[in-house]
Amino acid sequence: MRYLFVHQNFPGQFLHLLRHLTLQPGNDIVFITEPNDNNLAGVRKLTYQPPAMNEQTFLDARDFEMATGRARIVQELATRLKGLGFRPDIVIGHHGWGELLNIRDVWEDMPLLGYYEFYYREKGVDVGFDPEFPVLTTGFAGVRAKNAVNLLALDNPGHGQTPTQFQLSTYPAWAQDRITVLPEGVDLALCRPAPSVRETVLDINGFIIEAGDTLVTYIARDLEPYRGFHVMMRALPGLHRLRPNLKVVMVGGDGVSYGARLVDSTWRAYLLSEVGAEIDPARVTFPGRVPYDLFLKLLQRSDAHVYLTYPFVLSWSLREALACGCAIVGSDTPPVRELVTNGKTGLLTPFTDPAGVVACVARLLDQPALARRLRRNARAHAERTLRMDKYLEAYEALIEQVIAQAGAAPPSIRQVSIP
């Protein structure tokens, strides 16, 4: 088959599917993306430079202007591909950046499977969730404007996918029949418990974790409020008091993936200015983003893994933590509850409660039988629901259905079940 993928940051959410498809003889795969250093044998990258941001454009309209610019560029690239004789059997991409908006102008009847990540709302989801960062009603117009691409995509032919029921629930009721819930899988052979890691010494840029140390981990792409960084930072003094040999590793960059940036600082610097005097720098490290092998070792070595998030897009790292058999302390928010059951596969605590985080970690440390049970259950849950082979089988089944029903009514399937 011929596949055309579109995502501004190759490979995006499609890495595992791409690896699977490249192993099948006869597949021809082209991927339209911005330039980056990522490559995958068997995938031909066709790169483009994104349009320049126009600072004169009204703020609420800037994302949409960029999206339509990307759509035009991708349309031109697709037209060149068509002129060279390339006709995909299906186009698969991410709707978030607008790149797919004009693709049906190139191939009018082309089967299209688009990734729907999140539908923004003025209240009830992420906006206004954290009382520390209220949003004025004057900001609601900007929130609604973020859905311009979502709405145009939903008005186009094609079908959608999203990885969680929570993310589906953010979309309007009239749109949900056009989006299939396809739970993402995990490489269970790679992401697995490894008891031997606990007997080794970890050296993270000179920060040493001895075999006898207690390790608490926190991992996010960036250290920011959307992922509860401020809550975790305020929990550190209490975590210090639990055990003298307790160390904390907080993985993540100093950028902002979601939410607001500070004008003249990073969230890490800002929070250190608040609680730094109560933190022992010899027992906490901020290594930034780390290589994947170290990421896995930290999960496998962790005595308690903290994952916090607004009601928002779920991080891949939570699935990987479950697969590694972590003893998880999670925020009691809808996306986390979809994967973690309180008292069964982890412990949940209110998002805004640093003392609750400390209390949950203390339970895990003081009750080793509980921690062992949660670890076993987390891994078993991953083995039941996050199997990569079942995920890929379901993905291929959805692709086949979208191709078969192209031009007809949208597929009626609402969720691909993974036994």
Protein backbone atom coordinates (compact mmCIF):
# COMPACT_ATOMS: atom_id res chain seq x y z
CA MET A 1 0.00 0.00 0.00
CA ARG A 2 0.93 3.62 -0.41
CA TYR A 3 0.74 5.76 2.72
CA LEU A 4 1.07 9.51 3.10
CA PHE A 5 1.65 10.75 6.64
CA VAL A 6 1.55 14.44 7.64
CA HIS A 7 2.83 15.84 10.94
CA GLN A 8 5.01 18.87 11.51
CA ASN A 9 7.28 16.99 13.93
CA PHE A 10 8.27 13.63 12.42
CA PRO A 11 7.33 10.97 13.54
CA GLY A 12 4.84 12.48 16.02
CA GLN A 13 2.26 10.01 17.28
CA PHE A 14 2.96 7.59 14.43
CA LEU A 15 6.33 6.07 15.37
CA HIS A 16 5.07 2.60 16.29
CA LEU A 17 2.73 2.40 13.32
CA LEU A 18 5.51 3.48 10.97
CA ARG A 19 7.90 0.88 12.34
CA HIS A 20 5.22 -1.76 11.86
CA LEU A 21 4.40 -0.70 8.30
CA THR A 22 8.05 -0.56 7.21
CA LEU A 23 8.41 -4.24 8.11
CA GLN A 24 5.66 -5.18 5.65
CA PRO A 25 6.93 -5.80 2.09
CA GLY A 26 5.45 -3.63 -0.62
CA ASN A 27 4.50 -0.60 1.47
CA ASP A 28 5.48 2.81 0.06
CA ILE A 29 5.54 5.45 2.82
CA VAL A 30 6.00 9.20 2.41
CA PHE A 31 5.96 11.58 5.38
CA ILE A 32 5.48 15.37 5.02
CA THR A 33 7.04 17.24 7.94
CA GLU A 34 9.23 20.12 9.01
CA PRO A 35 12.97 19.43 8.96
CA ASN A 36 14.38 17.55 11.94
CA ASP A 37 17.09 14.99 12.63
CA ASN A 38 14.72 12.04 13.07
CA ASN A 39 14.81 9.37 10.40
CA LEU A 40 13.36 5.90 9.94
CA ALA A 41 14.47 3.37 7.36
CA GLY A 42 11.73 2.76 4.83
CA VAL A 43 10.11 6.19 5.26
CA ARG A 44 10.77 8.97 2.76
CA LYS A 45 10.60 12.38 4.39
CA LEU A 46 9.42 15.38 2.38
CA THR A 47 10.21 18.49 4.40
CA TYR A 48 8.93 22.05 4.34
CA GLN A 49 9.75 25.28 6.11
CA PRO A 50 6.84 26.60 8.20
CA PRO A 51 5.40 30.01 7.37
CA ALA A 52 6.77 32.99 9.24
CA MET A 53 4.72 34.36 12.10
CA ASN A 54 3.19 37.76 11.36
CA GLU A 55 3.47 39.75 14.57
CA GLN A 56 0.97 42.27 13.20
CA THR A 57 -1.81 39.69 13.13
CA PHE A 58 -4.33 39.97 15.94
CA LEU A 59 -3.20 37.65 18.74
CA ASP A 60 -6.29 35.42 18.75
CA ALA A 61 -5.91 34.78 15.01
CA ARG A 62 -2.19 33.95 14.89
CA ASP A 63 -2.55 30.20 15.33
CA PHE A 64 -5.15 30.08 12.59
CA GLU A 65 -3.02 32.15 10.24
CA MET A 66 -0.11 29.76 10.80
CA ALA A 67 -2.43 26.79 10.27
CA THR A 68 -3.72 28.04 6.94
CA GLY A 69 -0.15 28.81 5.87
CA ARG A 70 0.90 25.25 6.70
CA ALA A 71 -2.15 23.92 4.87
CA ARG A 72 -1.19 25.80 1.73
CA ILE A 73 2.42 24.60 1.87
CA VAL A 74 1.40 20.97 2.41
CA GLN A 75 -1.13 21.27 -0.40
CA GLU A 76 1.65 22.42 -2.74
CA LEU A 77 3.89 19.53 -1.71
CA ALA A 78 1.06 17.04 -2.15
CA THR A 79 0.36 18.48 -5.60
CA ARG A 80 4.00 17.90 -6.54
CA LEU A 81 3.72 14.30 -5.30
CA LYS A 82 0.59 13.84 -7.40
CA GLY A 83 2.41 15.21 -10.44
CA LEU A 84 5.13 12.60 -9.90
CA GLY A 85 2.51 9.86 -9.99
CA PHE A 86 2.21 9.24 -6.24
CA ARG A 87 -1.33 8.48 -5.17
CA PRO A 88 -1.68 7.28 -1.57
CA ASP A 89 -4.24 4.71 -0.58
CA ILE A 90 -4.78 6.71 2.61
CA VAL A 91 -3.57 9.94 4.20
CA ILE A 92 -2.88 9.78 7.94
CA GLY A 93 -1.97 12.88 9.91
CA HIS A 94 -2.51 15.20 12.85
CA HIS A 95 -5.17 17.90 12.60
CA GLY A 96 -3.65 20.16 15.23
CA TRP A 97 -1.47 22.36 13.02
CA GLY A 98 -3.78 22.70 10.03
CA GLU A 99 -1.59 20.74 7.64
CA LEU A 100 -4.45 18.50 6.49
CA LEU A 101 -6.99 21.24 5.81
CA ASN A 102 -6.39 21.39 2.03
CA ILE A 103 -5.31 17.81 1.37
CA ARG A 104 -8.68 16.85 -0.12
CA ASP A 105 -8.21 19.62 -2.70
CA VAL A 106 -5.38 17.50 -4.10
CA TRP A 107 -7.07 14.09 -3.91
CA GLU A 108 -10.79 14.77 -3.60
CA ASP A 109 -11.88 11.23 -2.74
CA MET A 110 -8.82 10.21 -0.72
CA PRO A 111 -9.46 8.24 2.50
CA LEU A 112 -8.31 10.44 5.39
CA LEU A 113 -7.61 9.44 8.99
CA GLY A 114 -6.81 12.43 11.18
CA TYR A 115 -5.57 12.55 14.76
CA TYR A 116 -7.84 14.70 16.98
CA GLU A 117 -5.98 15.58 20.15
CA PHE A 118 -8.08 18.07 22.09
CA TYR A 119 -11.05 20.41 21.77
CA TYR A 120 -10.60 23.61 23.77
CA ARG A 121 -13.32 24.91 26.09
CA GLU A 122 -13.68 28.06 28.17
CA LYS A 123 -14.53 26.03 31.27
CA GLY A 124 -14.90 22.49 32.49
CA VAL A 125 -11.58 21.16 31.23
CA ASP A 126 -8.11 22.74 31.47
CA VAL A 127 -9.02 26.43 31.32
CA GLY A 128 -9.79 27.69 34.82
CA PHE A 129 -9.09 24.28 36.37
CA ASP A 130 -6.20 25.53 38.50
CA PRO A 131 -7.39 28.26 40.89
CA GLU A 132 -3.85 29.61 41.06
CA PHE A 133 -4.09 30.66 37.41
CA PRO A 134 -7.59 32.01 36.75
CA VAL A 135 -8.55 33.01 33.22
CA LEU A 136 -10.45 36.25 32.74
CA THR A 137 -13.52 36.20 30.53
CA THR A 138 -11.61 38.47 28.16
CA GLY A 139 -9.42 35.45 27.40
CA PHE A 140 -12.30 33.20 26.36
CA ALA A 141 -12.24 34.44 22.77
CA GLY A 142 -8.68 33.23 22.40
CA VAL A 143 -9.65 29.82 23.77
CA ARG A 144 -12.50 29.51 21.27
CA ALA A 145 -10.23 30.64 18.44
CA LYS A 146 -7.97 27.64 19.12
CA ASN A 147 -10.78 25.45 17.78
CA ALA A 148 -10.86 27.02 14.33
CA VAL A 149 -8.76 24.23 12.83
CA ASN A 150 -10.67 21.57 14.80
CA LEU A 151 -13.96 22.82 13.39
CA LEU A 152 -12.75 23.03 9.81
CA ALA A 153 -11.26 19.55 10.09
CA LEU A 154 -14.52 18.16 11.44
CA ASP A 155 -16.38 19.75 8.52
CA ASN A 156 -14.09 18.04 6.00
CA PRO A 157 -14.60 14.48 4.78
CA GLY A 158 -12.61 11.78 6.52
CA HIS A 159 -12.54 10.07 9.88
CA GLY A 160 -10.72 10.77 13.13
CA GLN A 161 -8.95 9.00 15.95
CA THR A 162 -8.04 9.96 19.50
CA PRO A 163 -6.28 7.93 22.21
CA THR A 164 -8.57 8.31 25.24
CA GLN A 165 -12.24 8.54 26.11
CA PHE A 166 -11.49 11.75 27.98
CA GLN A 167 -10.04 13.40 24.89
CA LEU A 168 -13.06 12.27 22.88
CA SER A 169 -15.34 13.76 25.53
CA THR A 170 -13.90 17.23 24.98
CA TYR A 171 -15.32 17.28 21.44
CA PRO A 172 -18.92 18.38 20.75
CA ALA A 173 -21.49 15.58 20.87
CA TRP A 174 -22.30 16.08 17.19
CA ALA A 175 -18.68 15.35 16.26
CA GLN A 176 -17.95 12.31 18.40
CA ASP A 177 -19.36 9.72 15.98
CA ARG A 178 -16.63 10.80 13.53
CA ILE A 179 -13.83 10.03 15.97
CA THR A 180 -12.73 6.55 17.03
CA VAL A 181 -11.03 5.97 20.38
CA LEU A 182 -7.84 4.07 19.61
CA PRO A 183 -5.94 3.50 22.89
CA GLU A 184 -2.21 3.80 22.30
CA GLY A 185 0.04 0.87 23.06
CA VAL A 186 3.40 0.45 24.76
CA ASP A 187 6.40 -1.70 23.90
CA LEU A 188 5.96 -4.06 26.85
CA ALA A 189 9.22 -5.87 26.12
CA LEU A 190 11.15 -2.62 26.43
CA CYS A 191 9.04 -0.91 29.10
CA ARG A 192 9.06 -3.58 31.81
CA PRO A 193 9.98 -4.05 35.44
CA ALA A 194 13.72 -4.61 35.94
CA PRO A 195 14.45 -5.44 39.60
CA SER A 196 18.19 -5.61 38.91
CA VAL A 197 18.25 -1.84 38.31
CA ARG A 198 17.52 -1.37 41.99
CA GLU A 199 20.84 -3.00 42.85
CA THR A 200 22.91 -0.67 40.69
CA VAL A 201 24.19 2.87 41.15
CA LEU A 202 22.65 5.51 38.88
CA ASP A 203 24.83 8.48 37.97
CA ILE A 204 22.82 11.38 36.51
CA ASN A 205 25.38 14.02 35.59
CA GLY A 206 27.10 13.52 38.94
CA PHE A 207 23.90 13.12 40.97
CA ILE A 208 24.37 9.68 42.49
CA ILE A 209 21.53 7.36 43.44
CA GLU A 210 22.90 4.54 45.58
CA ALA A 211 21.28 1.11 45.76
CA GLY A 212 19.99 1.88 49.27
CA ASP A 213 18.52 5.29 48.44
CA THR A 214 14.79 5.93 48.19
CA LEU A 215 13.96 7.42 44.79
CA VAL A 216 10.94 9.53 43.89
CA THR A 217 10.59 10.40 40.20
CA TYR A 218 8.64 13.06 38.32
CA ILE A 219 8.75 13.24 34.52
CA ALA A 220 7.28 15.72 32.05
CA ARG A 221 8.31 17.06 28.67
CA ASP A 222 8.59 20.50 30.25
CA LEU A 223 8.46 21.62 33.88
CA GLU A 224 5.23 23.63 33.85
CA PRO A 225 1.94 24.01 35.75
CA TYR A 226 -0.12 21.99 33.24
CA ARG A 227 1.85 18.95 34.41
CA GLY A 228 1.70 19.92 38.08
CA PHE A 229 5.30 21.08 38.40
CA HIS A 230 4.34 23.78 40.90
CA VAL A 231 2.51 21.21 43.01
CA MET A 232 5.46 18.82 42.95
CA MET A 233 7.92 21.57 43.86
CA ARG A 234 5.81 22.52 46.88
CA ALA A 235 5.74 18.86 47.90
CA LEU A 236 9.55 18.62 48.01
CA PRO A 237 10.04 19.94 51.58
CA GLY A 238 7.55 17.36 52.87
CA LEU A 239 9.16 14.60 50.83
CA HIS A 240 12.54 15.50 52.34
CA ARG A 241 11.13 14.91 55.80
CA LEU A 242 9.94 11.37 55.00
CA ARG A 243 13.39 9.78 54.91
CA PRO A 244 16.93 11.12 55.13
CA ASN A 245 18.04 9.03 52.13
CA LEU A 246 15.11 10.06 49.89
CA LYS A 247 16.18 11.62 46.60
CA VAL A 248 14.05 13.18 43.89
CA VAL A 249 14.72 13.31 40.15
CA MET A 250 12.55 15.76 38.21
CA VAL A 251 12.94 15.21 34.47
CA GLY A 252 11.82 17.86 31.99
CA GLY A 253 12.93 20.86 30.00
CA ASP A 254 12.66 24.51 30.94
CA GLY A 255 10.43 25.38 28.00
CA VAL A 256 6.64 25.50 27.91
CA SER A 257 4.71 22.88 25.96
CA TYR A 258 1.29 23.87 27.31
CA GLY A 259 -0.06 26.95 28.98
CA ALA A 260 1.46 30.33 29.67
CA ARG A 261 5.11 31.32 29.69
CA LEU A 262 6.62 33.62 32.27
CA VAL A 263 7.83 36.89 30.84
CA ASP A 264 11.37 36.88 32.22
CA SER A 265 11.90 33.51 33.90
CA THR A 266 11.31 29.78 33.73
CA TRP A 267 8.83 27.95 35.93
CA ARG A 268 11.72 26.10 37.54
CA ALA A 269 13.50 29.32 38.50
CA TYR A 270 10.22 30.84 39.66
CA LEU A 271 9.37 27.91 41.94
CA LEU A 272 12.91 27.65 43.24
CA SER A 273 12.66 31.28 44.30
CA GLU A 274 9.56 30.30 46.30
CA VAL A 275 10.62 27.03 47.95
CA GLY A 276 14.34 26.72 47.22
CA ALA A 277 15.35 27.62 50.77
CA GLU A 278 13.42 24.56 52.02
CA ILE A 279 14.99 22.15 49.52
CA ASP A 280 18.24 20.25 49.98
CA PRO A 281 20.02 20.60 46.60
CA ALA A 282 22.03 17.46 47.35
CA ARG A 283 18.81 15.44 47.31
CA VAL A 284 17.03 16.90 44.26
CA THR A 285 18.18 17.12 40.66
CA PHE A 286 16.73 18.65 37.50
CA PRO A 287 18.55 16.89 34.63
CA GLY A 288 16.42 18.40 31.86
CA ARG A 289 15.29 16.02 29.16
CA VAL A 290 17.14 12.72 29.32
CA PRO A 291 17.95 9.90 26.84
CA TYR A 292 15.27 7.23 26.60
CA ASP A 293 17.39 4.51 28.19
CA LEU A 294 17.92 6.66 31.28
CA PHE A 295 14.22 7.56 31.30
CA LEU A 296 13.38 3.85 31.49
CA LYS A 297 15.97 3.16 34.19
CA LEU A 298 14.51 5.93 36.33
CA LEU A 299 11.02 4.44 36.04
CA GLN A 300 12.34 0.95 36.78
CA ARG A 301 14.34 2.20 39.77
CA SER A 302 11.65 4.49 41.19
CA ASP A 303 10.15 3.80 44.61
CA ALA A 304 7.31 6.23 43.86
CA HIS A 305 6.54 7.87 40.54
CA VAL A 306 4.49 11.09 40.59
CA TYR A 307 2.38 11.99 37.54
CA LEU A 308 0.24 15.13 37.69
CA THR A 309 -1.77 16.79 34.95
CA TYR A 310 -4.61 19.19 34.33
CA PRO A 311 -7.66 17.69 32.58
CA PHE A 312 -5.76 17.72 29.30
CA VAL A 313 -3.93 15.50 26.84
CA LEU A 314 -2.43 12.49 28.60
CA SER A 315 1.37 12.03 28.50
CA TRP A 316 2.88 8.89 26.98
CA SER A 317 5.04 8.60 30.10
CA LEU A 318 2.08 7.48 32.23
CA ARG A 319 1.52 4.46 29.99
CA GLU A 320 5.23 3.67 30.15
CA ALA A 321 5.20 4.01 33.95
CA LEU A 322 2.36 1.49 34.17
CA ALA A 323 4.25 -0.89 31.88
CA CYS A 324 7.39 -0.56 34.01
CA GLY A 325 5.39 -1.52 37.09
CA CYS A 326 5.81 1.79 38.86
CA ALA A 327 4.15 2.59 42.16
CA ILE A 328 2.24 5.58 40.82
CA VAL A 329 0.98 8.66 42.64
CA GLY A 330 -1.31 10.43 40.19
CA SER A 331 -3.55 13.46 40.13
CA ASP A 332 -7.23 12.68 40.58
CA THR A 333 -8.11 14.15 37.19
CA PRO A 334 -10.18 12.55 34.38
CA PRO A 335 -7.35 11.57 32.00
CA VAL A 336 -5.38 9.92 34.82
CA ARG A 337 -8.44 8.09 36.18
CA GLU A 338 -8.87 6.51 32.76
CA LEU A 339 -5.59 4.62 33.22
CA VAL A 340 -5.08 4.54 37.01
CA THR A 341 -7.63 3.20 39.49
CA ASN A 342 -7.12 4.53 43.00
CA GLY A 343 -5.98 1.79 45.37
CA LYS A 344 -5.70 -0.77 42.59
CA THR A 345 -3.13 0.40 40.01
CA GLY A 346 -1.91 3.48 41.85
CA LEU A 347 -2.83 6.14 44.37
CA LEU A 348 -4.70 9.29 43.36
CA THR A 349 -4.65 12.65 45.11
CA PRO A 350 -6.23 16.05 44.37
CA PHE A 351 -4.14 17.91 41.83
CA THR A 352 -3.74 21.08 43.87
CA ASP A 353 -2.66 19.39 47.11
CA PRO A 354 1.12 19.10 47.67
CA ALA A 355 0.47 17.55 51.10
CA GLY A 356 -1.63 14.90 49.38
CA VAL A 357 1.30 14.00 47.14
CA VAL A 358 3.53 13.65 50.22
CA ALA A 359 0.93 11.54 52.03
CA CYS A 360 0.58 9.15 49.07
CA VAL A 361 4.34 8.76 48.71
CA ALA A 362 4.56 8.12 52.47
CA ARG A 363 1.93 5.37 52.18
CA LEU A 364 3.94 3.65 49.46
CA LEU A 365 7.15 3.84 51.47
CA ASP A 366 5.58 2.81 54.78
CA GLN A 367 3.48 0.00 53.33
CA PRO A 368 5.73 -2.13 51.12
CA ALA A 369 3.01 -4.75 50.65
CA LEU A 370 0.73 -2.07 49.21
CA ALA A 371 3.50 -0.80 46.95
CA ARG A 372 4.22 -4.32 45.67
CA ARG A 373 0.55 -4.94 44.96
CA LEU A 374 0.16 -1.67 43.08
CA ARG A 375 3.28 -2.41 41.04
CA ARG A 376 2.01 -5.86 40.06
CA ASN A 377 -1.41 -4.50 39.20
CA ALA A 378 0.04 -1.65 37.15
CA ARG A 379 2.05 -4.07 35.03
CA ALA A 380 -0.88 -6.47 34.70
CA HIS A 381 -3.14 -3.60 33.61
CA ALA A 382 -0.59 -2.60 30.98
CA GLU A 383 -0.38 -6.17 29.73
CA ARG A 384 -4.16 -6.30 29.38
CA THR A 385 -4.81 -2.90 27.82
CA LEU A 386 -1.58 -1.48 26.35
CA ARG A 387 -0.24 -4.37 24.28
CA MET A 388 1.55 -3.04 21.22
CA ASP A 389 0.53 -5.93 18.97
CA LYS A 390 -3.15 -5.43 19.77
CA TYR A 391 -2.82 -1.67 19.30
CA LEU A 392 -1.29 -2.15 15.85
CA GLU A 393 -3.92 -4.74 14.91
CA ALA A 394 -6.65 -2.29 15.90
CA TYR A 395 -4.89 0.52 14.00
CA GLU A 396 -4.73 -1.54 10.82
CA ALA A 397 -8.37 -2.55 11.21
CA LEU A 398 -9.36 1.10 11.50
CA ILE A 399 -7.29 2.01 8.43
CA GLU A 400 -8.99 -0.74 6.44
CA GLN A 401 -12.40 0.45 7.55
CA VAL A 402 -11.67 4.07 6.65
CA ILE A 403 -10.47 3.02 3.20
CA ALA A 404 -13.50 0.76 2.66
CA GLN A 405 -15.96 3.49 3.66
CA ALA A 406 -14.28 6.43 1.93
CA GLY A 407 -16.97 8.56 0.37
CA ALA A 408 -19.71 6.83 2.35
CA ALA A 409 -21.06 7.56 5.81
CA PRO A 410 -18.40 7.94 8.50
CA PRO A 411 -17.43 4.69 10.24
CA SER A 412 -19.82 4.01 13.06
CA ILE A 413 -17.24 2.41 15.35
CA ARG A 414 -16.67 4.52 18.46
CA GLN A 415 -13.87 2.53 20.08
CA VAL A 416 -11.44 -0.10 18.92
CA SER A 417 -11.37 -2.71 21.67
CA ILE A 418 -8.06 -4.33 22.58
CA PRO A 419 -8.71 -7.65 24.32
